[in-house]
Amino acid sequence: MPMERVKQYLDEQGVKYVVLQHSPAYTAQEVAASVHVPGRHFAKCVMVKIDGQLALAVLPAPDQVDLERLARSVGAQSMELASEEEFKNRFPECELGAMPPFGNLFDMEVFVSPHLSAAEHIAFNAGSHTDVMQLSYTDFQRLVNPAEVAM
């Protein structure tokens, strides 16, 4: 079952979405292939620490975060990947590594790659390694209000 917090939020906002289930997969590219979504339209979440604060970097499955570029884009003094230990308690309903890109529901800032914002629809892990949700990028942008930055 997809993460109830996100599902309830989308329902309350009147957003149309699709829930897709697949056999267990752990990398964003594997998940995208499992649900037949192009990797460029699959939003993976990378947890980063920006000047000591946890934040979500959201980018297409095949891309990698360039920490130096992201730091320059957001004007940060320091930028590093967050360890699982540092963020696992922030997503209590989620399996580790299957967080959805709704940082606004978890009190953290969200940064999105312009490569992902070009997609009409995006798909993302829905809290487990077997559930995916898909919705329009326009709805995602309206609800999350991510900062679009080069990364």
Protein backbone atom coordinates (compact mmCIF):
# COMPACT_ATOMS: atom_id res chain seq x y z
CA MET A 1 0.00 0.00 0.00
CA PRO A 2 1.45 3.39 -0.88
CA MET A 3 2.44 5.69 1.87
CA GLU A 4 -0.76 6.88 3.51
CA ARG A 5 0.54 10.36 4.33
CA VAL A 6 1.18 11.19 0.67
CA LYS A 7 -1.99 9.45 -0.53
CA GLN A 8 -4.14 11.37 1.96
CA TYR A 9 -2.44 14.66 1.06
CA LEU A 10 -3.03 14.12 -2.66
CA ASP A 11 -6.65 13.12 -2.03
CA GLU A 12 -7.24 16.23 0.11
CA GLN A 13 -5.77 18.40 -2.64
CA GLY A 14 -7.93 16.75 -5.32
CA VAL A 15 -4.90 15.53 -7.24
CA LYS A 16 -5.29 12.63 -9.66
CA TYR A 17 -2.59 9.98 -9.37
CA VAL A 18 -1.93 6.38 -10.26
CA VAL A 19 -0.54 3.74 -7.91
CA LEU A 20 1.64 1.10 -9.52
CA GLN A 21 2.93 -2.03 -7.84
CA HIS A 22 5.96 -4.06 -8.86
CA SER A 23 8.22 -6.79 -7.58
CA PRO A 24 10.87 -5.54 -5.13
CA ALA A 25 13.40 -3.21 -6.78
CA TYR A 26 15.96 -1.01 -5.08
CA THR A 27 17.55 1.37 -7.56
CA ALA A 28 15.61 4.14 -9.24
CA GLN A 29 16.45 2.76 -12.68
CA GLU A 30 15.24 -0.72 -11.69
CA VAL A 31 12.00 0.68 -10.31
CA ALA A 32 11.40 2.80 -13.42
CA ALA A 33 11.95 -0.26 -15.64
CA SER A 34 9.65 -2.38 -13.45
CA VAL A 35 6.74 0.01 -13.92
CA HIS A 36 7.56 0.86 -17.56
CA VAL A 37 8.30 4.53 -16.90
CA PRO A 38 11.22 6.22 -18.68
CA GLY A 39 14.08 6.84 -16.25
CA ARG A 40 14.01 10.53 -17.20
CA HIS A 41 10.48 10.69 -15.74
CA PHE A 42 11.22 8.78 -12.54
CA ALA A 43 11.99 11.08 -9.60
CA LYS A 44 14.64 9.73 -7.28
CA CYS A 45 15.32 11.37 -3.96
CA VAL A 46 18.83 11.96 -2.70
CA MET A 47 19.17 13.13 0.89
CA VAL A 48 21.70 15.92 1.30
CA LYS A 49 22.85 18.17 4.11
CA ILE A 50 22.99 21.81 3.10
CA ASP A 51 24.82 23.88 5.68
CA GLY A 52 23.94 21.16 8.19
CA GLN A 53 20.20 20.97 7.33
CA LEU A 54 18.59 17.93 5.73
CA ALA A 55 17.07 18.54 2.30
CA LEU A 56 15.79 16.49 -0.63
CA ALA A 57 17.47 16.67 -4.01
CA VAL A 58 15.04 15.27 -6.58
CA LEU A 59 16.32 14.30 -10.00
CA PRO A 60 15.69 11.83 -12.83
CA ALA A 61 16.68 8.22 -12.16
CA PRO A 62 19.71 8.13 -14.49
CA ASP A 63 21.22 11.39 -13.18
CA GLN A 64 23.67 11.85 -10.32
CA VAL A 65 23.90 14.79 -7.94
CA ASP A 66 26.95 16.97 -8.42
CA LEU A 67 27.34 18.24 -4.84
CA GLU A 68 29.64 21.12 -5.80
CA ARG A 69 27.25 22.30 -8.49
CA LEU A 70 24.25 22.00 -6.16
CA ALA A 71 26.11 23.95 -3.45
CA ARG A 72 26.86 26.75 -5.94
CA SER A 73 23.24 26.73 -7.17
CA VAL A 74 21.80 27.22 -3.69
CA GLY A 75 24.60 29.40 -2.31
CA ALA A 76 25.56 26.90 0.40
CA GLN A 77 28.73 27.01 2.45
CA SER A 78 28.73 23.23 2.87
CA MET A 79 27.06 20.37 1.01
CA GLU A 80 27.30 16.64 1.62
CA LEU A 81 25.30 13.47 1.24
CA ALA A 82 23.33 12.62 4.37
CA SER A 83 23.89 9.25 5.98
CA GLU A 84 20.98 6.86 6.42
CA GLU A 85 21.34 7.24 10.17
CA GLU A 86 20.79 11.00 9.85
CA PHE A 87 17.48 10.77 7.98
CA LYS A 88 15.88 7.38 8.69
CA ASN A 89 13.69 8.77 11.50
CA ARG A 90 12.39 11.63 9.31
CA PHE A 91 10.42 9.17 7.16
CA PRO A 92 8.82 6.83 9.72
CA GLU A 93 6.30 5.33 7.27
CA CYS A 94 8.91 4.59 4.62
CA GLU A 95 11.30 1.80 3.88
CA LEU A 96 14.83 3.15 3.81
CA GLY A 97 15.63 4.42 0.33
CA ALA A 98 11.99 4.59 -0.81
CA MET A 99 11.11 8.10 0.34
CA PRO A 100 8.68 10.12 -1.79
CA PRO A 101 9.74 13.58 -3.05
CA PHE A 102 7.29 15.40 -0.77
CA GLY A 103 9.75 17.07 1.59
CA ASN A 104 7.05 19.58 2.52
CA LEU A 105 5.29 16.77 4.43
CA PHE A 106 8.48 16.05 6.38
CA ASP A 107 9.56 19.62 7.13
CA MET A 108 12.43 19.78 4.69
CA GLU A 109 13.32 21.83 1.68
CA VAL A 110 13.07 20.25 -1.78
CA PHE A 111 15.33 21.02 -4.73
CA VAL A 112 14.45 19.66 -8.16
CA SER A 113 16.54 19.23 -11.28
CA PRO A 114 15.39 21.13 -14.37
CA HIS A 115 15.79 17.81 -16.22
CA LEU A 116 12.89 16.39 -14.19
CA SER A 117 10.70 19.47 -14.37
CA ALA A 118 10.55 19.05 -18.16
CA ALA A 119 8.47 15.86 -17.74
CA GLU A 120 4.70 16.01 -18.14
CA HIS A 121 4.22 13.25 -15.54
CA ILE A 122 6.60 11.93 -12.91
CA ALA A 123 6.66 8.69 -10.98
CA PHE A 124 8.35 8.08 -7.63
CA ASN A 125 8.74 5.59 -4.81
CA ALA A 126 5.71 5.67 -2.54
CA GLY A 127 7.34 4.63 0.71
CA SER A 128 8.18 1.04 -0.18
CA HIS A 129 10.32 -0.90 -2.60
CA THR A 130 7.17 -2.27 -4.29
CA ASP A 131 4.90 0.81 -4.64
CA VAL A 132 5.14 3.72 -7.06
CA MET A 133 2.90 6.73 -7.52
CA GLN A 134 2.59 8.73 -10.72
CA LEU A 135 1.12 12.22 -11.12
CA SER A 136 1.51 15.29 -13.27
CA TYR A 137 4.62 17.36 -12.72
CA THR A 138 2.41 20.45 -12.58
CA ASP A 139 0.56 19.05 -9.55
CA PHE A 140 3.84 18.05 -7.89
CA GLN A 141 5.24 21.54 -8.44
CA ARG A 142 2.09 23.22 -7.12
CA LEU A 143 1.98 21.10 -3.95
CA VAL A 144 5.67 20.88 -3.08
CA ASN A 145 6.92 24.19 -4.53
CA PRO A 146 10.44 22.85 -5.02
CA ALA A 147 13.31 25.15 -5.91
CA GLU A 148 14.50 24.32 -9.42
CA VAL A 149 18.30 24.30 -9.37
CA ALA A 150 21.20 22.89 -11.36
CA MET A 151 22.61 19.80 -9.75
